[in-house]
Amino acid sequence: MLILSRKLDESILIGDSIMLKVVAIDKGVVKLGIEAPSNVRILRSELIRAVEDSNKEASAEHDESLLHQLAQKFKL
């Protein structure tokens, strides 16, 4: 992992087409502006983790209900 320090209005260029710019710093919160081509997906990592966790939970609940239904059928 590369760690860089940037001040307000300073930026970082990634490759030839992605720029990260520090647009505001307020009470310990840094706001970044991202310029990238429209074909580049930009997602917050915490949202990806939340969706993955939700999918795992839904899958586990679904699997358990199917197993319960199958168990009921075999008992008959």
Protein backbone atom coordinates (compact mmCIF):
# COMPACT_ATOMS: atom_id res chain seq x y z
CA MET A 1 0.00 0.00 0.00
CA LEU A 2 1.28 3.40 -0.96
CA ILE A 3 0.63 6.10 1.65
CA LEU A 4 0.82 9.73 0.59
CA SER A 5 0.11 12.99 2.37
CA ARG A 6 -1.87 15.62 0.50
CA LYS A 7 -2.99 19.09 1.48
CA LEU A 8 -6.17 20.90 0.48
CA ASP A 9 -6.42 21.27 -3.32
CA GLU A 10 -3.54 18.83 -3.93
CA SER A 11 -4.19 15.77 -6.05
CA ILE A 12 -2.90 12.34 -6.99
CA LEU A 13 -2.94 10.94 -10.52
CA ILE A 14 -3.56 7.20 -10.94
CA GLY A 15 -2.56 5.96 -14.36
CA ASP A 16 -3.37 8.37 -17.15
CA SER A 17 -7.02 8.98 -16.44
CA ILE A 18 -7.92 8.92 -12.73
CA MET A 19 -7.34 11.90 -10.46
CA LEU A 20 -8.03 12.10 -6.73
CA LYS A 21 -8.18 15.61 -5.31
CA VAL A 22 -8.53 16.76 -1.71
CA VAL A 23 -11.45 19.18 -1.95
CA ALA A 24 -12.15 19.81 1.74
CA ILE A 25 -10.86 19.00 5.20
CA ASP A 26 -13.22 19.65 8.10
CA LYS A 27 -13.11 18.35 11.68
CA GLY A 28 -10.96 15.36 10.78
CA VAL A 29 -13.01 14.45 7.71
CA VAL A 30 -11.34 14.57 4.32
CA LYS A 31 -13.51 14.99 1.23
CA LEU A 32 -12.07 13.65 -2.00
CA GLY A 33 -13.05 14.51 -5.53
CA ILE A 34 -12.55 11.74 -8.09
CA GLU A 35 -12.23 12.36 -11.81
CA ALA A 36 -12.33 9.14 -13.82
CA PRO A 37 -13.68 7.89 -17.14
CA SER A 38 -17.33 6.84 -17.05
CA ASN A 39 -16.41 3.19 -17.60
CA VAL A 40 -14.47 3.07 -14.31
CA ARG A 41 -16.58 1.82 -11.41
CA ILE A 42 -16.09 3.77 -8.19
CA LEU A 43 -17.59 2.15 -5.10
CA ARG A 44 -17.18 2.73 -1.38
CA SER A 45 -15.65 -0.37 0.20
CA GLU A 46 -18.02 -0.34 3.18
CA LEU A 47 -21.01 -0.58 0.82
CA ILE A 48 -19.48 -3.54 -0.98
CA ARG A 49 -18.91 -5.30 2.37
CA ALA A 50 -22.48 -4.53 3.48
CA VAL A 51 -23.94 -6.02 0.28
CA GLU A 52 -21.69 -9.09 0.57
CA ASP A 53 -22.73 -9.60 4.21
CA SER A 54 -26.40 -9.16 3.32
CA ASN A 55 -26.10 -11.67 0.48
CA LYS A 56 -24.44 -14.20 2.79
CA GLU A 57 -27.19 -13.76 5.39
CA ALA A 58 -29.95 -14.11 2.81
CA SER A 59 -28.29 -17.18 1.34
CA ALA A 60 -27.88 -18.82 4.75
CA GLU A 61 -31.51 -18.15 5.68
CA HIS A 62 -32.71 -19.45 2.34
CA ASP A 63 -30.59 -22.59 2.58
CA GLU A 64 -31.87 -23.34 6.08
CA SER A 65 -35.49 -22.98 5.02
CA LEU A 66 -34.94 -25.29 2.05
CA LEU A 67 -33.28 -27.85 4.28
CA HIS A 68 -36.19 -27.64 6.69
CA GLN A 69 -38.68 -28.17 3.84
CA LEU A 70 -36.74 -31.16 2.56
CA ALA A 71 -36.55 -32.65 6.05
CA GLN A 72 -40.32 -32.30 6.41
CA LYS A 73 -40.92 -34.08 3.09
CA PHE A 74 -38.68 -37.00 4.02
CA LYS A 75 -40.44 -37.42 7.39
CA LEU A 76 -43.77 -38.06 5.61
